[in-house]
Amino acid sequence: MAKAYLDIRLTIEGIDRAGISAVYNLYKEPFLRNVKGALTNELLVHVEDIRIFHGFRSMEDAQSYLLSKFFNTDFITSLKPYIIGNPNVKIYEVA
């Protein structure tokens, strides 16, 4: 069971959902296979925004992922052409 969730909210224009979905699908398996403490990865699509939820074993694992090259250089950089502004990122701890 996940003890922490990373919530990434991306503001988009409707047409860009397909691009974000492609990036998400490209990185989903490497995330689950290679990121320490990674348990789940979900994509929620709405007309105005997209939310990506990553589940982790611990708050520390979620925080480490936010500082990683995989998150900042690979994943977020790949999303940039499809989003408006910067991602809104929050970490939630399960009580």
PDB file of N, CA and C in Angstrom:
ATOM      1  N   MET A   1       0.833  -1.181   0.000  1.00  0.00           N
ATOM      2  CA  MET A   1       0.000   0.000   0.000  1.00  0.00           C
ATOM      3  C   MET A   1       0.885   1.253   0.000  1.00  0.00           C
ATOM      4  N   ALA A   2       0.499   2.222  -0.805  1.00  0.00           N
ATOM      5  CA  ALA A   2       1.263   3.463  -0.900  1.00  0.00           C
ATOM      6  C   ALA A   2       1.133   4.274   0.385  1.00  0.00           C
ATOM      7  N   LYS A   3       2.235   4.867   0.794  1.00  0.00           N
ATOM      8  CA  LYS A   3       2.270   5.735   1.979  1.00  0.00           C
ATOM      9  C   LYS A   3       2.403   7.203   1.605  1.00  0.00           C
ATOM     10  N   ALA A   4       2.702   7.466   0.329  1.00  0.00           N
ATOM     11  CA  ALA A   4       2.821   8.846  -0.151  1.00  0.00           C
ATOM     12  C   ALA A   4       2.419   8.884  -1.618  1.00  0.00           C
ATOM     13  N   TYR A   5       1.827  10.008  -2.023  1.00  0.00           N
ATOM     14  CA  TYR A   5       1.426  10.212  -3.413  1.00  0.00           C
ATOM     15  C   TYR A   5       1.990  11.523  -3.920  1.00  0.00           C
ATOM     16  N   LEU A   6       2.499  11.478  -5.119  1.00  0.00           N
ATOM     17  CA  LEU A   6       2.956  12.661  -5.817  1.00  0.00           C
ATOM     18  C   LEU A   6       1.856  13.012  -6.816  1.00  0.00           C
ATOM     19  N   ASP A   7       1.331  14.224  -6.719  1.00  0.00           N
ATOM     20  CA  ASP A   7       0.257  14.697  -7.581  1.00  0.00           C
ATOM     21  C   ASP A   7       0.839  15.765  -8.500  1.00  0.00           C
ATOM     22  N   ILE A   8       0.854  15.488  -9.790  1.00  0.00           N
ATOM     23  CA  ILE A   8       1.380  16.415 -10.781  1.00  0.00           C
ATOM     24  C   ILE A   8       0.210  16.891 -11.627  1.00  0.00           C
ATOM     25  N   ARG A   9      -0.096  18.176 -11.549  1.00  0.00           N
ATOM     26  CA  ARG A   9      -1.201  18.746 -12.328  1.00  0.00           C
ATOM     27  C   ARG A   9      -0.607  19.549 -13.473  1.00  0.00           C
ATOM     28  N   LEU A  10      -1.057  19.236 -14.696  1.00  0.00           N
ATOM     29  CA  LEU A  10      -0.560  19.873 -15.898  1.00  0.00           C
ATOM     30  C   LEU A  10      -1.701  20.611 -16.581  1.00  0.00           C
ATOM     31  N   THR A  11      -1.524  21.904 -16.831  1.00  0.00           N
ATOM     32  CA  THR A  11      -2.522  22.671 -17.571  1.00  0.00           C
ATOM     33  C   THR A  11      -2.234  22.502 -19.057  1.00  0.00           C
ATOM     34  N   ILE A  12      -3.288  22.208 -19.810  1.00  0.00           N
ATOM     35  CA  ILE A  12      -3.116  21.908 -21.239  1.00  0.00           C
ATOM     36  C   ILE A  12      -4.172  22.618 -22.071  1.00  0.00           C
ATOM     37  N   GLU A  13      -3.960  22.579 -23.364  1.00  0.00           N
ATOM     38  CA  GLU A  13      -5.006  22.898 -24.318  1.00  0.00           C
ATOM     39  C   GLU A  13      -5.506  21.545 -24.802  1.00  0.00           C
ATOM     40  N   GLY A  14      -6.793  21.397 -24.983  1.00  0.00           N
ATOM     41  CA  GLY A  14      -7.422  20.115 -25.274  1.00  0.00           C
ATOM     42  C   GLY A  14      -6.707  19.216 -26.254  1.00  0.00           C
ATOM     43  N   ILE A  15      -6.172  19.776 -27.315  1.00  0.00           N
ATOM     44  CA  ILE A  15      -5.539  18.971 -28.351  1.00  0.00           C
ATOM     45  C   ILE A  15      -4.262  18.277 -27.860  1.00  0.00           C
ATOM     46  N   ASP A  16      -3.658  18.794 -26.804  1.00  0.00           N
ATOM     47  CA  ASP A  16      -2.382  18.268 -26.338  1.00  0.00           C
ATOM     48  C   ASP A  16      -2.501  17.038 -25.436  1.00  0.00           C
ATOM     49  N   ARG A  17      -3.696  16.570 -25.169  1.00  0.00           N
ATOM     50  CA  ARG A  17      -3.871  15.379 -24.331  1.00  0.00           C
ATOM     51  C   ARG A  17      -3.192  14.164 -24.936  1.00  0.00           C
ATOM     52  N   ALA A  18      -3.251  14.014 -26.237  1.00  0.00           N
ATOM     53  CA  ALA A  18      -2.642  12.852 -26.888  1.00  0.00           C
ATOM     54  C   ALA A  18      -1.125  12.839 -26.701  1.00  0.00           C
ATOM     55  N   GLY A  19      -0.493  13.991 -26.808  1.00  0.00           N
ATOM     56  CA  GLY A  19       0.956  14.072 -26.600  1.00  0.00           C
ATOM     57  C   GLY A  19       1.345  13.716 -25.185  1.00  0.00           C
ATOM     58  N   ILE A  20       0.600  14.214 -24.219  1.00  0.00           N
ATOM     59  CA  ILE A  20       0.896  13.909 -22.814  1.00  0.00           C
ATOM     60  C   ILE A  20       0.662  12.438 -22.536  1.00  0.00           C
ATOM     61  N   SER A  21      -0.385  11.882 -23.088  1.00  0.00           N
ATOM     62  CA  SER A  21      -0.652  10.455 -22.908  1.00  0.00           C
ATOM     63  C   SER A  21       0.492   9.614 -23.479  1.00  0.00           C
ATOM     64  N   ALA A  22       1.033  10.017 -24.602  1.00  0.00           N
ATOM     65  CA  ALA A  22       2.161   9.298 -25.199  1.00  0.00           C
ATOM     66  C   ALA A  22       3.396   9.365 -24.303  1.00  0.00           C
ATOM     67  N   VAL A  23       3.691  10.544 -23.762  1.00  0.00           N
ATOM     68  CA  VAL A  23       4.836  10.688 -22.853  1.00  0.00           C
ATOM     69  C   VAL A  23       4.617   9.851 -21.598  1.00  0.00           C
ATOM     70  N   TYR A  24       3.428   9.924 -21.040  1.00  0.00           N
ATOM     71  CA  TYR A  24       3.098   9.126 -19.845  1.00  0.00           C
ATOM     72  C   TYR A  24       3.332   7.640 -20.115  1.00  0.00           C
ATOM     73  N   ASN A  25       2.811   7.146 -21.233  1.00  0.00           N
ATOM     74  CA  ASN A  25       2.964   5.722 -21.555  1.00  0.00           C
ATOM     75  C   ASN A  25       4.415   5.337 -21.793  1.00  0.00           C
ATOM     76  N   LEU A  26       5.202   6.245 -22.330  1.00  0.00           N
ATOM     77  CA  LEU A  26       6.625   5.991 -22.554  1.00  0.00           C
ATOM     78  C   LEU A  26       7.377   5.801 -21.238  1.00  0.00           C
ATOM     79  N   TYR A  27       7.034   6.595 -20.226  1.00  0.00           N
ATOM     80  CA  TYR A  27       7.777   6.578 -18.966  1.00  0.00           C
ATOM     81  C   TYR A  27       7.140   5.746 -17.860  1.00  0.00           C
ATOM     82  N   LYS A  28       5.923   5.242 -18.063  1.00  0.00           N
ATOM     83  CA  LYS A  28       5.230   4.512 -16.999  1.00  0.00           C
ATOM     84  C   LYS A  28       6.011   3.288 -16.520  1.00  0.00           C
ATOM     85  N   GLU A  29       6.356   2.407 -17.412  1.00  0.00           N
ATOM     86  CA  GLU A  29       7.065   1.182 -17.008  1.00  0.00           C
ATOM     87  C   GLU A  29       8.459   1.466 -16.449  1.00  0.00           C
ATOM     88  N   PRO A  30       9.261   2.332 -17.087  1.00  0.00           N
ATOM     89  CA  PRO A  30      10.563   2.644 -16.484  1.00  0.00           C
ATOM     90  C   PRO A  30      10.417   3.237 -15.072  1.00  0.00           C
ATOM     91  N   PHE A  31       9.380   4.055 -14.856  1.00  0.00           N
ATOM     92  CA  PHE A  31       9.133   4.606 -13.522  1.00  0.00           C
ATOM     93  C   PHE A  31       8.876   3.485 -12.532  1.00  0.00           C
ATOM     94  N   LEU A  32       7.946   2.611 -12.849  1.00  0.00           N
ATOM     95  CA  LEU A  32       7.586   1.534 -11.917  1.00  0.00           C
ATOM     96  C   LEU A  32       8.725   0.546 -11.707  1.00  0.00           C
ATOM     97  N   ARG A  33       9.529   0.334 -12.719  1.00  0.00           N
ATOM     98  CA  ARG A  33      10.607  -0.643 -12.648  1.00  0.00           C
ATOM     99  C   ARG A  33      11.873  -0.094 -11.979  1.00  0.00           C
ATOM    100  N   ASN A  34      12.166   1.209 -12.173  1.00  0.00           N
ATOM    101  CA  ASN A  34      13.476   1.729 -11.782  1.00  0.00           C
ATOM    102  C   ASN A  34      13.504   2.743 -10.648  1.00  0.00           C
ATOM    103  N   VAL A  35      12.385   3.375 -10.330  1.00  0.00           N
ATOM    104  CA  VAL A  35      12.386   4.416  -9.308  1.00  0.00           C
ATOM    105  C   VAL A  35      12.199   3.774  -7.931  1.00  0.00           C
ATOM    106  N   LYS A  36      13.087   4.096  -7.023  1.00  0.00           N
ATOM    107  CA  LYS A  36      13.039   3.537  -5.671  1.00  0.00           C
ATOM    108  C   LYS A  36      11.702   3.860  -4.994  1.00  0.00           C
ATOM    109  N   GLY A  37      11.036   2.823  -4.516  1.00  0.00           N
ATOM    110  CA  GLY A  37       9.795   2.995  -3.776  1.00  0.00           C
ATOM    111  C   GLY A  37       8.552   3.205  -4.622  1.00  0.00           C
ATOM    112  N   ALA A  38       8.682   3.203  -5.945  1.00  0.00           N
ATOM    113  CA  ALA A  38       7.526   3.431  -6.826  1.00  0.00           C
ATOM    114  C   ALA A  38       6.572   2.243  -6.778  1.00  0.00           C
ATOM    115  N   LEU A  39       5.280   2.522  -6.572  1.00  0.00           N
ATOM    116  CA  LEU A  39       4.272   1.467  -6.493  1.00  0.00           C
ATOM    117  C   LEU A  39       3.182   1.583  -7.551  1.00  0.00           C
ATOM    118  N   THR A  40       2.723   2.803  -7.811  1.00  0.00           N
ATOM    119  CA  THR A  40       1.624   3.000  -8.752  1.00  0.00           C
ATOM    120  C   THR A  40       1.876   4.227  -9.609  1.00  0.00           C
ATOM    121  N   ASN A  41       1.158   4.283 -10.718  1.00  0.00           N
ATOM    122  CA  ASN A  41       1.259   5.413 -11.624  1.00  0.00           C
ATOM    123  C   ASN A  41      -0.065   5.502 -12.374  1.00  0.00           C
ATOM    124  N   GLU A  42      -0.791   6.610 -12.222  1.00  0.00           N
ATOM    125  CA  GLU A  42      -2.104   6.771 -12.837  1.00  0.00           C
ATOM    126  C   GLU A  42      -2.171   8.094 -13.602  1.00  0.00           C
ATOM    127  N   LEU A  43      -2.884   8.082 -14.720  1.00  0.00           N
ATOM    128  CA  LEU A  43      -3.084   9.269 -15.535  1.00  0.00           C
ATOM    129  C   LEU A  43      -4.574   9.588 -15.552  1.00  0.00           C
ATOM    130  N   LEU A  44      -4.943  10.800 -15.117  1.00  0.00           N
ATOM    131  CA  LEU A  44      -6.328  11.257 -15.126  1.00  0.00           C
ATOM    132  C   LEU A  44      -6.436  12.400 -16.129  1.00  0.00           C
ATOM    133  N   VAL A  45      -7.312  12.243 -17.109  1.00  0.00           N
ATOM    134  CA  VAL A  45      -7.425  13.203 -18.207  1.00  0.00           C
ATOM    135  C   VAL A  45      -8.739  13.973 -18.092  1.00  0.00           C
ATOM    136  N   HIS A  46      -8.653  15.301 -18.189  1.00  0.00           N
ATOM    137  CA  HIS A  46      -9.804  16.188 -18.160  1.00  0.00           C
ATOM    138  C   HIS A  46      -9.633  17.182 -19.303  1.00  0.00           C
ATOM    139  N   VAL A  47     -10.675  17.864 -19.678  1.00  0.00           N
ATOM    140  CA  VAL A  47     -10.609  18.833 -20.773  1.00  0.00           C
ATOM    141  C   VAL A  47      -9.615  19.946 -20.475  1.00  0.00           C
ATOM    142  N   GLU A  48      -9.571  20.432 -19.228  1.00  0.00           N
ATOM    143  CA  GLU A  48      -8.728  21.571 -18.866  1.00  0.00           C
ATOM    144  C   GLU A  48      -7.355  21.208 -18.337  1.00  0.00           C
ATOM    145  N   ASP A  49      -7.236  20.035 -17.763  1.00  0.00           N
ATOM    146  CA  ASP A  49      -5.935  19.649 -17.215  1.00  0.00           C
ATOM    147  C   ASP A  49      -5.780  18.146 -17.184  1.00  0.00           C
ATOM    148  N   ILE A  50      -4.569  17.747 -16.874  1.00  0.00           N
ATOM    149  CA  ILE A  50      -4.235  16.333 -16.703  1.00  0.00           C
ATOM    150  C   ILE A  50      -3.540  16.212 -15.360  1.00  0.00           C
ATOM    151  N   ARG A  51      -3.866  15.128 -14.656  1.00  0.00           N
ATOM    152  CA  ARG A  51      -3.197  14.865 -13.382  1.00  0.00           C
ATOM    153  C   ARG A  51      -2.535  13.505 -13.455  1.00  0.00           C
ATOM    154  N   ILE A  52      -1.330  13.467 -12.963  1.00  0.00           N
ATOM    155  CA  ILE A  52      -0.577  12.217 -12.893  1.00  0.00           C
ATOM    156  C   ILE A  52      -0.306  11.950 -11.417  1.00  0.00           C
ATOM    157  N   PHE A  53      -0.713  10.772 -10.964  1.00  0.00           N
ATOM    158  CA  PHE A  53      -0.498  10.375  -9.568  1.00  0.00           C
ATOM    159  C   PHE A  53       0.519   9.253  -9.522  1.00  0.00           C
ATOM    160  N   HIS A  54       1.576   9.475  -8.754  1.00  0.00           N
ATOM    161  CA  HIS A  54       2.587   8.451  -8.510  1.00  0.00           C
ATOM    162  C   HIS A  54       2.442   8.017  -7.045  1.00  0.00           C
ATOM    163  N   GLY A  55       2.322   6.725  -6.799  1.00  0.00           N
ATOM    164  CA  GLY A  55       2.276   6.210  -5.434  1.00  0.00           C
ATOM    165  C   GLY A  55       3.638   5.674  -5.022  1.00  0.00           C
ATOM    166  N   PHE A  56       4.041   5.968  -3.779  1.00  0.00           N
ATOM    167  CA  PHE A  56       5.356   5.570  -3.260  1.00  0.00           C
ATOM    168  C   PHE A  56       5.234   4.856  -1.919  1.00  0.00           C
ATOM    169  N   ARG A  57       6.246   4.083  -1.592  1.00  0.00           N
ATOM    170  CA  ARG A  57       6.296   3.400  -0.298  1.00  0.00           C
ATOM    171  C   ARG A  57       6.464   4.373   0.862  1.00  0.00           C
ATOM    172  N   SER A  58       7.118   5.506   0.603  1.00  0.00           N
ATOM    173  CA  SER A  58       7.368   6.456   1.683  1.00  0.00           C
ATOM    174  C   SER A  58       7.446   7.878   1.142  1.00  0.00           C
ATOM    175  N   MET A  59       7.304   8.827   2.047  1.00  0.00           N
ATOM    176  CA  MET A  59       7.443  10.242   1.708  1.00  0.00           C
ATOM    177  C   MET A  59       8.861  10.526   1.208  1.00  0.00           C
ATOM    178  N   GLU A  60       9.841   9.884   1.797  1.00  0.00           N
ATOM    179  CA  GLU A  60      11.236  10.081   1.396  1.00  0.00           C
ATOM    180  C   GLU A  60      11.458   9.639  -0.051  1.00  0.00           C
ATOM    181  N   ASP A  61      10.840   8.514  -0.442  1.00  0.00           N
ATOM    182  CA  ASP A  61      10.974   8.048  -1.823  1.00  0.00           C
ATOM    183  C   ASP A  61      10.363   9.057  -2.798  1.00  0.00           C
ATOM    184  N   ALA A  62       9.203   9.614  -2.451  1.00  0.00           N
ATOM    185  CA  ALA A  62       8.553  10.613  -3.306  1.00  0.00           C
ATOM    186  C   ALA A  62       9.423  11.863  -3.432  1.00  0.00           C
ATOM    187  N   GLN A  63       9.989  12.329  -2.327  1.00  0.00           N
ATOM    188  CA  GLN A  63      10.842  13.510  -2.348  1.00  0.00           C
ATOM    189  C   GLN A  63      12.110  13.265  -3.155  1.00  0.00           C
ATOM    190  N   SER A  64      12.687  12.086  -3.038  1.00  0.00           N
ATOM    191  CA  SER A  64      13.893  11.751  -3.807  1.00  0.00           C
ATOM    192  C   SER A  64      13.599  11.740  -5.301  1.00  0.00           C
ATOM    193  N   TYR A  65      12.445  11.215  -5.662  1.00  0.00           N
ATOM    194  CA  TYR A  65      12.056  11.181  -7.072  1.00  0.00           C
ATOM    195  C   TYR A  65      11.951  12.596  -7.642  1.00  0.00           C
ATOM    196  N   LEU A  66      11.403  13.524  -6.868  1.00  0.00           N
ATOM    197  CA  LEU A  66      11.283  14.915  -7.334  1.00  0.00           C
ATOM    198  C   LEU A  66      12.632  15.553  -7.632  1.00  0.00           C
ATOM    199  N   LEU A  67      13.669  15.083  -6.980  1.00  0.00           N
ATOM    200  CA  LEU A  67      15.012  15.634  -7.187  1.00  0.00           C
ATOM    201  C   LEU A  67      15.810  14.872  -8.239  1.00  0.00           C
ATOM    202  N   SER A  68      15.238  13.797  -8.750  1.00  0.00           N
ATOM    203  CA  SER A  68      15.986  12.909  -9.647  1.00  0.00           C
ATOM    204  C   SER A  68      16.096  13.452 -11.077  1.00  0.00           C
ATOM    205  N   LYS A  69      17.106  12.983 -11.785  1.00  0.00           N
ATOM    206  CA  LYS A  69      17.291  13.289 -13.197  1.00  0.00           C
ATOM    207  C   LYS A  69      16.121  12.722 -14.000  1.00  0.00           C
ATOM    208  N   PHE A  70      15.675  11.535 -13.644  1.00  0.00           N
ATOM    209  CA  PHE A  70      14.567  10.900 -14.360  1.00  0.00           C
ATOM    210  C   PHE A  70      13.332  11.803 -14.358  1.00  0.00           C
ATOM    211  N   PHE A  71      13.007  12.395 -13.209  1.00  0.00           N
ATOM    212  CA  PHE A  71      11.839  13.273 -13.127  1.00  0.00           C
ATOM    213  C   PHE A  71      12.090  14.595 -13.833  1.00  0.00           C
ATOM    214  N   ASN A  72      13.161  15.276 -13.491  1.00  0.00           N
ATOM    215  CA  ASN A  72      13.398  16.641 -13.969  1.00  0.00           C
ATOM    216  C   ASN A  72      13.882  16.736 -15.411  1.00  0.00           C
ATOM    217  N   THR A  73      14.805  15.898 -15.784  1.00  0.00           N
ATOM    218  CA  THR A  73      15.392  15.997 -17.116  1.00  0.00           C
ATOM    219  C   THR A  73      14.625  15.164 -18.138  1.00  0.00           C
ATOM    220  N   ASP A  74      14.267  13.953 -17.768  1.00  0.00           N
ATOM    221  CA  ASP A  74      13.611  13.070 -18.730  1.00  0.00           C
ATOM    222  C   ASP A  74      12.104  13.326 -18.814  1.00  0.00           C
ATOM    223  N   PHE A  75      11.388  13.077 -17.729  1.00  0.00           N
ATOM    224  CA  PHE A  75       9.929  13.117 -17.739  1.00  0.00           C
ATOM    225  C   PHE A  75       9.376  14.528 -17.961  1.00  0.00           C
ATOM    226  N   ILE A  76       9.730  15.470 -17.119  1.00  0.00           N
ATOM    227  CA  ILE A  76       9.182  16.825 -17.215  1.00  0.00           C
ATOM    228  C   ILE A  76       9.606  17.509 -18.512  1.00  0.00           C
ATOM    229  N   THR A  77      10.844  17.349 -18.919  1.00  0.00           N
ATOM    230  CA  THR A  77      11.304  17.949 -20.169  1.00  0.00           C
ATOM    231  C   THR A  77      10.509  17.407 -21.351  1.00  0.00           C
ATOM    232  N   SER A  78      10.174  16.128 -21.332  1.00  0.00           N
ATOM    233  CA  SER A  78       9.388  15.529 -22.414  1.00  0.00           C
ATOM    234  C   SER A  78       7.958  16.059 -22.451  1.00  0.00           C
ATOM    235  N   LEU A  79       7.436  16.487 -21.299  1.00  0.00           N
ATOM    236  CA  LEU A  79       6.070  17.009 -21.225  1.00  0.00           C
ATOM    237  C   LEU A  79       5.966  18.471 -21.656  1.00  0.00           C
ATOM    238  N   LYS A  80       7.045  19.229 -21.539  1.00  0.00           N
ATOM    239  CA  LYS A  80       7.024  20.681 -21.762  1.00  0.00           C
ATOM    240  C   LYS A  80       6.339  21.132 -23.061  1.00  0.00           C
ATOM    241  N   PRO A  81       6.535  20.465 -24.199  1.00  0.00           N
ATOM    242  CA  PRO A  81       5.874  20.943 -25.423  1.00  0.00           C
ATOM    243  C   PRO A  81       4.343  20.860 -25.377  1.00  0.00           C
ATOM    244  N   TYR A  82       3.806  20.104 -24.433  1.00  0.00           N
ATOM    245  CA  TYR A  82       2.367  19.858 -24.397  1.00  0.00           C
ATOM    246  C   TYR A  82       1.629  20.601 -23.291  1.00  0.00           C
ATOM    247  N   ILE A  83       2.350  21.318 -22.447  1.00  0.00           N
ATOM    248  CA  ILE A  83       1.700  21.951 -21.301  1.00  0.00           C
ATOM    249  C   ILE A  83       1.819  23.467 -21.346  1.00  0.00           C
ATOM    250  N   ILE A  84       0.928  24.109 -20.607  1.00  0.00           N
ATOM    251  CA  ILE A  84       0.939  25.564 -20.460  1.00  0.00           C
ATOM    252  C   ILE A  84       1.532  25.861 -19.089  1.00  0.00           C
ATOM    253  N   GLY A  85       2.588  26.639 -19.040  1.00  0.00           N
ATOM    254  CA  GLY A  85       3.217  26.971 -17.767  1.00  0.00           C
ATOM    255  C   GLY A  85       3.979  25.796 -17.174  1.00  0.00           C
ATOM    256  N   ASN A  86       4.190  25.853 -15.879  1.00  0.00           N
ATOM    257  CA  ASN A  86       4.917  24.805 -15.172  1.00  0.00           C
ATOM    258  C   ASN A  86       3.947  23.855 -14.474  1.00  0.00           C
ATOM    259  N   PRO A  87       4.366  22.616 -14.273  1.00  0.00           N
ATOM    260  CA  PRO A  87       3.521  21.675 -13.543  1.00  0.00           C
ATOM    261  C   PRO A  87       3.315  22.141 -12.102  1.00  0.00           C
ATOM    262  N   ASN A  88       2.147  21.850 -11.554  1.00  0.00           N
ATOM    263  CA  ASN A  88       1.862  22.080 -10.150  1.00  0.00           C
ATOM    264  C   ASN A  88       2.062  20.734  -9.461  1.00  0.00           C
ATOM    265  N   VAL A  89       3.060  20.652  -8.591  1.00  0.00           N
ATOM    266  CA  VAL A  89       3.435  19.386  -7.979  1.00  0.00           C
ATOM    267  C   VAL A  89       3.233  19.444  -6.469  1.00  0.00           C
ATOM    268  N   LYS A  90       2.544  18.430  -5.934  1.00  0.00           N
ATOM    269  CA  LYS A  90       2.337  18.309  -4.486  1.00  0.00           C
ATOM    270  C   LYS A  90       2.595  16.881  -4.057  1.00  0.00           C
ATOM    271  N   ILE A  91       3.093  16.735  -2.831  1.00  0.00           N
ATOM    272  CA  ILE A  91       3.252  15.405  -2.238  1.00  0.00           C
ATOM    273  C   ILE A  91       2.268  15.283  -1.086  1.00  0.00           C
ATOM    274  N   TYR A  92       1.535  14.177  -1.097  1.00  0.00           N
ATOM    275  CA  TYR A  92       0.597  13.890  -0.013  1.00  0.00           C
ATOM    276  C   TYR A  92       1.073  12.662   0.741  1.00  0.00           C
ATOM    277  N   GLU A  93       1.006  12.733   2.053  1.00  0.00           N
ATOM    278  CA  GLU A  93       1.346  11.578   2.887  1.00  0.00           C
ATOM    279  C   GLU A  93       0.059  10.942   3.369  1.00  0.00           C
ATOM    280  N   VAL A  94      -0.008   9.625   3.308  1.00  0.00           N
ATOM    281  CA  VAL A  94      -1.192   8.906   3.770  1.00  0.00           C
ATOM    282  C   VAL A  94      -1.203   8.917   5.291  1.00  0.00           C
ATOM    283  N   ALA A  95      -2.324   9.351   5.863  1.00  0.00           N
ATOM    284  CA  ALA A  95      -2.437   9.441   7.333  1.00  0.00           C
ATOM    285  C   ALA A  95      -2.826   8.103   7.930  1.00  0.00           C
TER     286      ALA A  95
END
